[in-house]
């Protein structure tokens, strides 16, 4: 029988190796409930929403971990806001991409070129301005409870722009 003892330094302290992984990676690896939503490169109408995501889970919160914005062919301003009204989703349905090997369908409704609601300026909590063809990644940490949604509008719309949202589900406390 062999006993594996840790390596120790000259003072008798055990040496160990550790690593930290982002929560979204842990969730993708363990439960499979981490996803990416991509608006695609589209030319939306001026009054439509580039991307919307609504948490439809009755038992879990949806944590939006980060966004990647790409301005496309002209300078853009993206506005991220919470949707505080009930709405019927409309526009082009988006199928989320599972980020882990165990992923299945997400408990969320997501659309690109959304027409089911209008932005309310007082609900905007993030604005990102970009020069043409400039991508940027932005950490977020927004928590959507059951039935809550977010919308992303592009201001100064050109022929193409896109947004990718990354998020994961966690049990409500």
N, C-alpha and C. Protein backbone atom coordinates (compact mmCIF):
# COMPACT_ATOMS: atom_id res chain seq x y z
N UNK A 1 0.85 -1.17 0.00
CA UNK A 1 0.00 0.00 0.00
C UNK A 1 0.90 1.24 0.00
N UNK A 2 0.56 2.21 -0.86
CA UNK A 2 1.36 3.42 -0.89
C UNK A 2 0.52 4.59 -0.40
N UNK A 3 1.19 5.49 0.24
CA UNK A 3 0.54 6.69 0.76
C UNK A 3 1.11 7.88 0.02
N UNK A 4 0.26 8.64 -0.64
CA UNK A 4 0.71 9.81 -1.38
C UNK A 4 0.70 11.03 -0.47
N UNK A 5 1.87 11.47 -0.09
CA UNK A 5 2.00 12.64 0.76
C UNK A 5 2.27 13.86 -0.11
N UNK A 6 1.82 15.02 0.32
CA UNK A 6 2.07 16.23 -0.47
C UNK A 6 3.55 16.61 -0.40
N UNK A 7 4.00 17.32 -1.43
CA UNK A 7 5.34 17.90 -1.39
C UNK A 7 5.34 18.99 -0.32
N UNK A 8 6.49 19.14 0.35
CA UNK A 8 6.60 20.18 1.38
C UNK A 8 7.83 21.03 1.10
N UNK A 9 7.79 22.27 1.58
CA UNK A 9 8.96 23.14 1.44
C UNK A 9 9.88 22.94 2.64
N UNK A 10 10.96 23.73 2.72
CA UNK A 10 11.96 23.56 3.79
C UNK A 10 11.39 23.85 5.17
N UNK A 11 10.26 24.53 5.25
CA UNK A 11 9.64 24.82 6.56
C UNK A 11 8.54 23.83 6.91
N UNK A 12 8.40 22.78 6.10
CA UNK A 12 7.40 21.77 6.38
C UNK A 12 6.00 22.13 5.94
N UNK A 13 5.87 23.18 5.14
CA UNK A 13 4.55 23.59 4.65
C UNK A 13 4.21 22.80 3.40
N UNK A 14 2.99 22.29 3.36
CA UNK A 14 2.55 21.53 2.19
C UNK A 14 2.43 22.46 0.99
N UNK A 15 2.88 21.96 -0.14
CA UNK A 15 2.78 22.70 -1.39
C UNK A 15 1.58 22.17 -2.18
N UNK A 16 0.83 23.07 -2.72
CA UNK A 16 -0.32 22.63 -3.50
C UNK A 16 -0.47 23.51 -4.72
N UNK A 17 -1.22 23.02 -5.63
CA UNK A 17 -1.49 23.76 -6.85
C UNK A 17 -3.01 23.93 -6.93
N UNK A 18 -3.43 25.15 -7.16
CA UNK A 18 -4.86 25.41 -7.25
C UNK A 18 -5.17 26.24 -8.47
N UNK A 19 -6.40 26.23 -8.83
CA UNK A 19 -6.83 27.08 -9.94
C UNK A 19 -8.25 27.54 -9.67
N UNK A 20 -8.56 28.67 -10.24
CA UNK A 20 -9.91 29.20 -10.11
C UNK A 20 -10.52 29.26 -11.50
N UNK A 21 -11.78 28.94 -11.59
CA UNK A 21 -12.45 29.04 -12.88
C UNK A 21 -13.65 29.96 -12.72
N UNK A 22 -13.97 30.69 -13.76
CA UNK A 22 -15.15 31.55 -13.69
C UNK A 22 -16.41 30.72 -13.42
N UNK A 23 -17.37 31.32 -12.75
CA UNK A 23 -18.61 30.62 -12.41
C UNK A 23 -19.31 30.08 -13.65
N UNK A 24 -19.30 30.83 -14.74
CA UNK A 24 -19.96 30.36 -15.96
C UNK A 24 -19.32 29.08 -16.48
N UNK A 25 -18.01 28.95 -16.31
CA UNK A 25 -17.31 27.73 -16.74
C UNK A 25 -17.68 26.58 -15.82
N UNK A 26 -17.74 26.83 -14.51
CA UNK A 26 -18.12 25.78 -13.56
C UNK A 26 -19.52 25.27 -13.86
N UNK A 27 -20.46 26.20 -14.10
CA UNK A 27 -21.84 25.80 -14.39
C UNK A 27 -21.91 25.02 -15.70
N UNK A 28 -21.20 25.47 -16.72
CA UNK A 28 -21.19 24.76 -18.00
C UNK A 28 -20.66 23.34 -17.82
N UNK A 29 -19.65 23.20 -17.00
CA UNK A 29 -19.02 21.90 -16.78
C UNK A 29 -19.87 20.97 -15.92
N UNK A 30 -20.53 21.52 -14.89
CA UNK A 30 -21.22 20.67 -13.92
C UNK A 30 -22.69 20.44 -14.21
N UNK A 31 -23.44 21.48 -14.52
CA UNK A 31 -24.88 21.32 -14.75
C UNK A 31 -25.27 21.47 -16.21
N UNK A 32 -24.40 22.08 -17.00
CA UNK A 32 -24.71 22.29 -18.41
C UNK A 32 -25.65 23.44 -18.67
N UNK A 33 -25.95 24.25 -17.64
CA UNK A 33 -26.93 25.33 -17.80
C UNK A 33 -26.26 26.68 -18.04
N UNK A 34 -25.28 26.71 -18.94
CA UNK A 34 -24.63 27.95 -19.36
C UNK A 34 -24.78 28.05 -20.87
N UNK A 35 -25.10 29.26 -21.35
CA UNK A 35 -25.47 29.43 -22.75
C UNK A 35 -24.92 30.72 -23.33
N UNK A 36 -24.90 30.76 -24.66
CA UNK A 36 -24.60 31.99 -25.40
C UNK A 36 -25.78 32.27 -26.33
N UNK A 37 -26.17 33.54 -26.38
CA UNK A 37 -27.24 34.00 -27.28
C UNK A 37 -26.63 35.00 -28.24
N UNK A 38 -26.75 34.74 -29.55
CA UNK A 38 -26.13 35.60 -30.56
C UNK A 38 -27.21 36.24 -31.41
N UNK A 39 -27.19 37.56 -31.49
CA UNK A 39 -28.18 38.28 -32.29
C UNK A 39 -27.98 38.07 -33.78
N UNK A 40 -26.84 37.59 -34.18
CA UNK A 40 -26.42 37.46 -35.58
C UNK A 40 -26.14 38.83 -36.17
N UNK A 41 -25.49 38.87 -37.28
CA UNK A 41 -25.25 40.13 -38.00
C UNK A 41 -26.50 40.47 -38.79
N UNK A 42 -27.26 41.44 -38.31
CA UNK A 42 -28.51 41.76 -38.97
C UNK A 42 -28.66 43.27 -39.11
N UNK A 43 -29.55 43.65 -39.97
CA UNK A 43 -29.90 45.05 -40.16
C UNK A 43 -31.31 45.21 -39.62
N UNK A 44 -31.43 45.61 -38.36
CA UNK A 44 -32.75 45.71 -37.75
C UNK A 44 -33.38 47.06 -38.07
N UNK A 45 -34.70 47.10 -37.95
CA UNK A 45 -35.40 48.37 -38.11
C UNK A 45 -35.06 49.29 -36.94
N UNK A 46 -35.17 50.57 -37.15
CA UNK A 46 -34.77 51.57 -36.16
C UNK A 46 -35.47 51.39 -34.82
N UNK A 47 -36.72 51.00 -34.81
CA UNK A 47 -37.46 50.90 -33.55
C UNK A 47 -37.42 49.50 -32.94
N UNK A 48 -36.74 48.57 -33.56
CA UNK A 48 -36.70 47.20 -33.04
C UNK A 48 -35.51 47.01 -32.10
N UNK A 49 -35.53 45.90 -31.39
CA UNK A 49 -34.49 45.57 -30.42
C UNK A 49 -33.56 44.53 -31.03
N UNK A 50 -32.26 44.75 -30.92
CA UNK A 50 -31.26 43.86 -31.50
C UNK A 50 -31.34 42.46 -30.89
N UNK A 51 -31.47 42.39 -29.56
CA UNK A 51 -31.48 41.12 -28.86
C UNK A 51 -32.32 41.25 -27.59
N UNK A 52 -33.16 40.26 -27.35
CA UNK A 52 -33.89 40.21 -26.08
C UNK A 52 -33.77 38.80 -25.51
N UNK A 53 -33.70 38.72 -24.19
CA UNK A 53 -33.64 37.43 -23.49
C UNK A 53 -34.55 37.52 -22.28
N UNK A 54 -35.48 36.57 -22.15
CA UNK A 54 -36.37 36.52 -20.99
C UNK A 54 -36.16 35.20 -20.26
N UNK A 55 -36.00 35.28 -18.94
CA UNK A 55 -35.85 34.09 -18.11
C UNK A 55 -37.22 33.47 -17.90
N UNK A 56 -37.43 32.28 -18.42
CA UNK A 56 -38.70 31.57 -18.28
C UNK A 56 -38.67 30.49 -17.21
N UNK A 57 -37.57 30.38 -16.47
CA UNK A 57 -37.46 29.34 -15.45
C UNK A 57 -38.29 29.70 -14.22
N UNK A 58 -39.10 28.77 -13.73
CA UNK A 58 -39.88 29.03 -12.52
C UNK A 58 -39.06 28.88 -11.23
N UNK A 59 -37.86 28.29 -11.32
CA UNK A 59 -37.08 28.01 -10.11
C UNK A 59 -35.66 28.57 -10.11
N UNK A 60 -35.20 29.10 -11.23
CA UNK A 60 -33.81 29.53 -11.32
C UNK A 60 -33.69 30.96 -11.81
N UNK A 61 -32.64 31.63 -11.35
CA UNK A 61 -32.28 32.95 -11.87
C UNK A 61 -31.35 32.78 -13.05
N UNK A 62 -31.40 33.71 -13.96
CA UNK A 62 -30.49 33.74 -15.10
C UNK A 62 -29.49 34.87 -14.87
N UNK A 63 -28.22 34.52 -14.76
CA UNK A 63 -27.16 35.50 -14.56
C UNK A 63 -26.52 35.78 -15.91
N UNK A 64 -26.62 37.04 -16.37
CA UNK A 64 -25.96 37.43 -17.61
C UNK A 64 -24.54 37.84 -17.23
N UNK A 65 -23.59 37.01 -17.60
CA UNK A 65 -22.20 37.16 -17.18
C UNK A 65 -21.45 38.23 -17.97
N UNK A 66 -21.66 38.27 -19.29
CA UNK A 66 -20.92 39.20 -20.14
C UNK A 66 -21.59 39.35 -21.49
N UNK A 67 -21.18 40.39 -22.18
CA UNK A 67 -21.62 40.64 -23.55
C UNK A 67 -20.40 40.83 -24.43
N UNK A 68 -20.53 40.47 -25.70
CA UNK A 68 -19.59 40.90 -26.73
C UNK A 68 -20.41 41.70 -27.73
N UNK A 69 -20.02 42.96 -27.92
CA UNK A 69 -20.68 43.84 -28.89
C UNK A 69 -19.74 44.03 -30.08
N UNK A 70 -20.31 44.10 -31.28
CA UNK A 70 -19.54 44.40 -32.48
C UNK A 70 -20.29 45.45 -33.28
N UNK A 71 -19.65 46.59 -33.53
CA UNK A 71 -20.31 47.73 -34.15
C UNK A 71 -20.63 47.53 -35.62
N UNK A 72 -20.00 46.63 -36.29
CA UNK A 72 -20.31 46.44 -37.70
C UNK A 72 -19.76 47.54 -38.58
N UNK A 73 -20.58 48.01 -39.53
CA UNK A 73 -20.08 48.90 -40.58
C UNK A 73 -20.09 50.39 -40.24
N UNK A 74 -20.74 50.80 -39.17
CA UNK A 74 -20.75 52.21 -38.77
C UNK A 74 -20.59 52.30 -37.25
N UNK A 75 -20.26 53.49 -36.75
CA UNK A 75 -20.18 53.68 -35.30
C UNK A 75 -21.54 53.38 -34.69
N UNK A 76 -21.54 52.74 -33.54
CA UNK A 76 -22.78 52.31 -32.89
C UNK A 76 -22.76 52.66 -31.41
N UNK A 77 -23.94 52.83 -30.86
CA UNK A 77 -24.10 52.86 -29.41
C UNK A 77 -25.10 51.77 -29.08
N UNK A 78 -24.74 50.90 -28.17
CA UNK A 78 -25.62 49.84 -27.71
C UNK A 78 -26.17 50.25 -26.35
N UNK A 79 -27.45 50.06 -26.14
CA UNK A 79 -28.09 50.34 -24.85
C UNK A 79 -28.69 49.05 -24.32
N UNK A 80 -28.30 48.69 -23.10
CA UNK A 80 -28.80 47.49 -22.45
C UNK A 80 -29.77 47.92 -21.36
N UNK A 81 -30.94 47.31 -21.33
CA UNK A 81 -31.96 47.74 -20.38
C UNK A 81 -32.80 46.54 -19.94
N UNK A 82 -33.42 46.70 -18.77
CA UNK A 82 -34.36 45.71 -18.25
C UNK A 82 -35.73 45.99 -18.82
N UNK A 83 -36.42 44.94 -19.20
CA UNK A 83 -37.79 45.05 -19.70
C UNK A 83 -38.70 44.83 -18.51
N UNK A 84 -39.50 45.84 -18.18
CA UNK A 84 -40.32 45.79 -16.97
C UNK A 84 -41.80 45.60 -17.26
N UNK A 85 -42.15 45.19 -18.47
CA UNK A 85 -43.54 44.96 -18.82
C UNK A 85 -43.69 43.54 -19.35
N UNK A 86 -44.87 42.97 -19.18
CA UNK A 86 -45.16 41.69 -19.82
C UNK A 86 -45.23 41.92 -21.32
N UNK A 87 -44.75 40.99 -22.09
CA UNK A 87 -44.78 41.15 -23.54
C UNK A 87 -44.87 39.78 -24.21
N UNK A 88 -45.37 39.80 -25.42
CA UNK A 88 -45.38 38.61 -26.25
C UNK A 88 -44.18 38.69 -27.17
N UNK A 89 -43.30 37.73 -27.06
CA UNK A 89 -42.07 37.76 -27.85
C UNK A 89 -42.40 37.74 -29.33
N UNK A 90 -41.68 38.57 -30.07
CA UNK A 90 -41.85 38.64 -31.52
C UNK A 90 -40.48 38.91 -32.13
N UNK A 91 -40.34 38.63 -33.40
CA UNK A 91 -39.05 38.80 -34.06
C UNK A 91 -38.50 37.44 -34.43
N UNK A 92 -37.21 37.37 -34.67
CA UNK A 92 -36.55 36.14 -35.07
C UNK A 92 -36.10 35.37 -33.84
N UNK A 93 -36.63 34.16 -33.66
CA UNK A 93 -36.26 33.35 -32.50
C UNK A 93 -34.78 32.98 -32.56
N UNK A 94 -34.13 33.01 -31.41
CA UNK A 94 -32.72 32.65 -31.29
C UNK A 94 -32.63 31.37 -30.46
N UNK A 95 -31.91 30.41 -30.98
CA UNK A 95 -31.66 29.18 -30.24
C UNK A 95 -30.33 29.35 -29.51
N UNK A 96 -30.35 29.31 -28.17
CA UNK A 96 -29.10 29.49 -27.43
C UNK A 96 -28.16 28.31 -27.65
N UNK A 97 -26.88 28.58 -27.58
CA UNK A 97 -25.85 27.55 -27.73
C UNK A 97 -25.38 27.15 -26.34
N UNK A 98 -25.49 25.87 -26.01
CA UNK A 98 -25.01 25.38 -24.72
C UNK A 98 -23.49 25.45 -24.69
N UNK A 99 -22.93 25.93 -23.58
CA UNK A 99 -21.49 26.11 -23.46
C UNK A 99 -20.77 24.90 -22.88
N UNK A 100 -21.50 23.90 -22.46
CA UNK A 100 -20.88 22.71 -21.89
C UNK A 100 -21.41 21.45 -22.53
N UNK A 101 -20.77 20.31 -22.26
CA UNK A 101 -21.17 19.05 -22.88
C UNK A 101 -22.50 18.52 -22.38
N UNK A 102 -22.98 19.00 -21.24
CA UNK A 102 -24.23 18.49 -20.68
C UNK A 102 -25.43 19.35 -21.03
N UNK A 103 -25.21 20.42 -21.77
CA UNK A 103 -26.26 21.41 -22.02
C UNK A 103 -27.44 20.86 -22.81
N UNK A 104 -28.61 21.35 -22.46
CA UNK A 104 -29.83 21.06 -23.19
C UNK A 104 -30.48 22.37 -23.54
N UNK A 105 -31.78 22.36 -23.63
CA UNK A 105 -32.52 23.58 -23.95
C UNK A 105 -32.50 24.53 -22.76
N UNK A 106 -32.38 25.81 -23.05
CA UNK A 106 -32.39 26.84 -22.00
C UNK A 106 -33.83 27.23 -21.68
N UNK A 107 -34.10 27.52 -20.41
CA UNK A 107 -35.42 28.01 -19.98
C UNK A 107 -35.48 29.51 -20.21
N UNK A 108 -35.40 29.90 -21.47
CA UNK A 108 -35.40 31.32 -21.80
C UNK A 108 -36.01 31.51 -23.19
N UNK A 109 -36.68 32.64 -23.35
CA UNK A 109 -37.17 33.05 -24.66
C UNK A 109 -36.23 34.14 -25.16
N UNK A 110 -35.72 33.96 -26.37
CA UNK A 110 -34.78 34.95 -26.90
C UNK A 110 -35.08 35.22 -28.36
N UNK A 111 -34.99 36.51 -28.70
CA UNK A 111 -35.29 36.94 -30.05
C UNK A 111 -34.29 37.99 -30.52
N UNK A 112 -34.08 38.00 -31.81
CA UNK A 112 -33.33 39.06 -32.45
C UNK A 112 -34.32 39.83 -33.30
N UNK A 113 -34.05 41.10 -33.55
CA UNK A 113 -34.98 41.96 -34.28
C UNK A 113 -36.34 41.95 -33.56
N UNK A 114 -36.29 42.03 -32.23
CA UNK A 114 -37.47 41.95 -31.36
C UNK A 114 -38.41 43.13 -31.60
N UNK A 115 -39.70 42.82 -31.71
CA UNK A 115 -40.71 43.86 -31.93
C UNK A 115 -41.80 43.84 -30.87
N UNK A 116 -41.67 43.00 -29.84
CA UNK A 116 -42.73 42.83 -28.86
C UNK A 116 -42.80 43.88 -27.78
N UNK A 117 -41.81 44.76 -27.67
CA UNK A 117 -41.82 45.81 -26.65
C UNK A 117 -40.96 46.98 -27.11
N UNK A 118 -41.12 48.10 -26.43
CA UNK A 118 -40.32 49.29 -26.71
C UNK A 118 -39.44 49.60 -25.51
N UNK A 119 -38.29 50.17 -25.78
CA UNK A 119 -37.38 50.56 -24.71
C UNK A 119 -37.95 51.74 -23.91
N UNK A 120 -37.73 51.69 -22.61
CA UNK A 120 -38.04 52.81 -21.74
C UNK A 120 -36.70 53.36 -21.27
N UNK A 121 -36.41 54.62 -21.61
CA UNK A 121 -35.08 55.19 -21.37
C UNK A 121 -34.64 55.09 -19.92
N UNK A 122 -35.57 55.18 -18.98
CA UNK A 122 -35.19 55.15 -17.56
C UNK A 122 -34.73 53.77 -17.12
N UNK A 123 -34.95 52.74 -17.94
CA UNK A 123 -34.54 51.38 -17.59
C UNK A 123 -33.17 51.01 -18.14
N UNK A 124 -32.53 51.92 -18.88
CA UNK A 124 -31.20 51.65 -19.44
C UNK A 124 -30.18 51.64 -18.30
N UNK A 125 -29.39 50.58 -18.20
CA UNK A 125 -28.37 50.54 -17.15
C UNK A 125 -26.96 50.43 -17.71
N UNK A 126 -26.82 50.30 -19.03
CA UNK A 126 -25.48 50.23 -19.61
C UNK A 126 -25.53 50.76 -21.03
N UNK A 127 -24.56 51.59 -21.38
CA UNK A 127 -24.40 52.05 -22.75
C UNK A 127 -22.97 51.78 -23.17
N UNK A 128 -22.81 51.30 -24.40
CA UNK A 128 -21.49 51.01 -24.95
C UNK A 128 -21.42 51.65 -26.32
N UNK A 129 -20.45 52.54 -26.53
CA UNK A 129 -20.26 53.19 -27.84
C UNK A 129 -19.00 52.64 -28.50
N UNK A 130 -19.13 52.33 -29.80
CA UNK A 130 -18.01 51.72 -30.52
C UNK A 130 -17.83 52.36 -31.89
N UNK A 131 -16.59 52.39 -32.35
CA UNK A 131 -16.27 52.81 -33.71
C UNK A 131 -16.58 51.67 -34.67
N UNK A 132 -16.66 51.94 -35.97
CA UNK A 132 -16.96 50.87 -36.93
C UNK A 132 -16.00 49.68 -36.80
N UNK A 133 -16.54 48.51 -37.01
CA UNK A 133 -15.84 47.21 -36.97
C UNK A 133 -15.08 46.96 -35.68
N UNK A 134 -15.50 47.57 -34.60
CA UNK A 134 -14.83 47.40 -33.32
C UNK A 134 -15.62 46.43 -32.44
N UNK A 135 -15.00 45.33 -31.98
CA UNK A 135 -15.65 44.47 -31.00
C UNK A 135 -15.16 44.81 -29.59
N UNK A 136 -16.00 44.56 -28.60
CA UNK A 136 -15.59 44.75 -27.21
C UNK A 136 -16.34 43.74 -26.34
N UNK A 137 -15.66 43.24 -25.32
CA UNK A 137 -16.28 42.35 -24.34
C UNK A 137 -16.50 43.14 -23.06
N UNK A 138 -17.71 43.02 -22.50
CA UNK A 138 -18.07 43.77 -21.29
C UNK A 138 -18.64 42.80 -20.26
N UNK A 139 -18.04 42.78 -19.05
CA UNK A 139 -18.59 41.99 -17.95
C UNK A 139 -19.87 42.65 -17.47
N UNK A 140 -20.82 41.85 -16.99
CA UNK A 140 -22.11 42.43 -16.63
C UNK A 140 -22.56 42.01 -15.23
N UNK A 141 -22.99 40.78 -15.05
CA UNK A 141 -23.47 40.32 -13.75
C UNK A 141 -24.93 40.63 -13.47
N UNK A 142 -25.72 40.93 -14.50
CA UNK A 142 -27.15 41.20 -14.33
C UNK A 142 -27.87 39.90 -13.99
N UNK A 143 -28.74 39.94 -12.97
CA UNK A 143 -29.52 38.77 -12.57
C UNK A 143 -30.97 38.99 -12.99
N UNK A 144 -31.50 38.05 -13.78
CA UNK A 144 -32.90 38.09 -14.20
C UNK A 144 -33.66 37.01 -13.45
N UNK A 145 -34.65 37.41 -12.67
CA UNK A 145 -35.52 36.46 -11.99
C UNK A 145 -36.52 35.88 -12.98
N UNK A 146 -37.38 35.01 -12.50
CA UNK A 146 -38.38 34.40 -13.37
C UNK A 146 -39.27 35.44 -14.02
N UNK A 147 -39.41 35.37 -15.34
CA UNK A 147 -40.25 36.30 -16.08
C UNK A 147 -39.59 37.63 -16.41
N UNK A 148 -38.39 37.89 -15.87
CA UNK A 148 -37.70 39.15 -16.17
C UNK A 148 -36.91 39.02 -17.46
N UNK A 149 -36.75 40.17 -18.14
CA UNK A 149 -36.08 40.15 -19.44
C UNK A 149 -35.15 41.34 -19.59
N UNK A 150 -34.24 41.22 -20.55
CA UNK A 150 -33.40 42.35 -20.93
C UNK A 150 -33.53 42.57 -22.42
N UNK A 151 -33.25 43.80 -22.82
CA UNK A 151 -33.23 44.14 -24.23
C UNK A 151 -31.96 44.89 -24.55
N UNK A 152 -31.49 44.75 -25.77
CA UNK A 152 -30.32 45.48 -26.24
C UNK A 152 -30.70 46.17 -27.54
N UNK A 153 -30.62 47.49 -27.52
CA UNK A 153 -30.89 48.28 -28.72
C UNK A 153 -29.59 48.80 -29.28
N UNK A 154 -29.56 48.99 -30.59
CA UNK A 154 -28.41 49.64 -31.21
C UNK A 154 -28.87 50.99 -31.73
N UNK A 155 -28.10 52.00 -31.42
CA UNK A 155 -28.41 53.37 -31.83
C UNK A 155 -27.37 53.75 -32.88
N UNK A 156 -27.80 54.37 -33.96
CA UNK A 156 -26.90 54.66 -35.07
C UNK A 156 -26.74 53.42 -35.93
N UNK A 157 -27.87 52.82 -36.25
CA UNK A 157 -27.87 51.51 -36.88
C UNK A 157 -27.32 51.52 -38.29
N UNK A 158 -26.45 50.57 -38.55
CA UNK A 158 -25.92 50.36 -39.88
C UNK A 158 -26.48 49.08 -40.45
N UNK A 159 -25.83 48.58 -41.46
CA UNK A 159 -26.31 47.37 -42.12
C UNK A 159 -26.03 46.11 -41.30
N UNK A 160 -24.98 46.13 -40.50
CA UNK A 160 -24.66 44.95 -39.69
C UNK A 160 -24.16 45.39 -38.32
N UNK A 161 -24.52 44.65 -37.34
CA UNK A 161 -24.01 44.79 -35.97
C UNK A 161 -24.48 43.54 -35.25
N UNK A 162 -23.81 43.20 -34.18
CA UNK A 162 -24.28 42.03 -33.44
C UNK A 162 -23.89 42.13 -31.98
N UNK A 163 -24.55 41.30 -31.21
CA UNK A 163 -24.29 41.20 -29.78
C UNK A 163 -24.41 39.74 -29.39
N UNK A 164 -23.49 39.29 -28.57
CA UNK A 164 -23.56 37.94 -28.00
C UNK A 164 -23.64 38.11 -26.49
N UNK A 165 -24.62 37.47 -25.88
CA UNK A 165 -24.76 37.48 -24.43
C UNK A 165 -24.40 36.09 -23.91
N UNK A 166 -23.68 36.04 -22.80
CA UNK A 166 -23.30 34.79 -22.16
C UNK A 166 -23.94 34.77 -20.78
N UNK A 167 -24.61 33.68 -20.43
CA UNK A 167 -25.27 33.62 -19.14
C UNK A 167 -25.41 32.19 -18.64
N UNK A 168 -25.81 32.09 -17.38
CA UNK A 168 -25.99 30.78 -16.77
C UNK A 168 -27.11 30.84 -15.74
N UNK A 169 -27.70 29.68 -15.48
CA UNK A 169 -28.80 29.57 -14.53
C UNK A 169 -28.29 29.08 -13.18
N UNK A 170 -28.84 29.67 -12.11
CA UNK A 170 -28.52 29.26 -10.75
C UNK A 170 -29.82 29.14 -9.96
N UNK A 171 -29.81 28.27 -8.95
CA UNK A 171 -30.99 28.13 -8.10
C UNK A 171 -31.29 29.43 -7.38
N UNK A 172 -32.57 29.75 -7.24
CA UNK A 172 -32.96 30.92 -6.46
C UNK A 172 -32.76 30.61 -4.99
N UNK A 173 -32.34 31.60 -4.25
CA UNK A 173 -32.12 31.39 -2.82
C UNK A 173 -33.32 31.83 -2.04
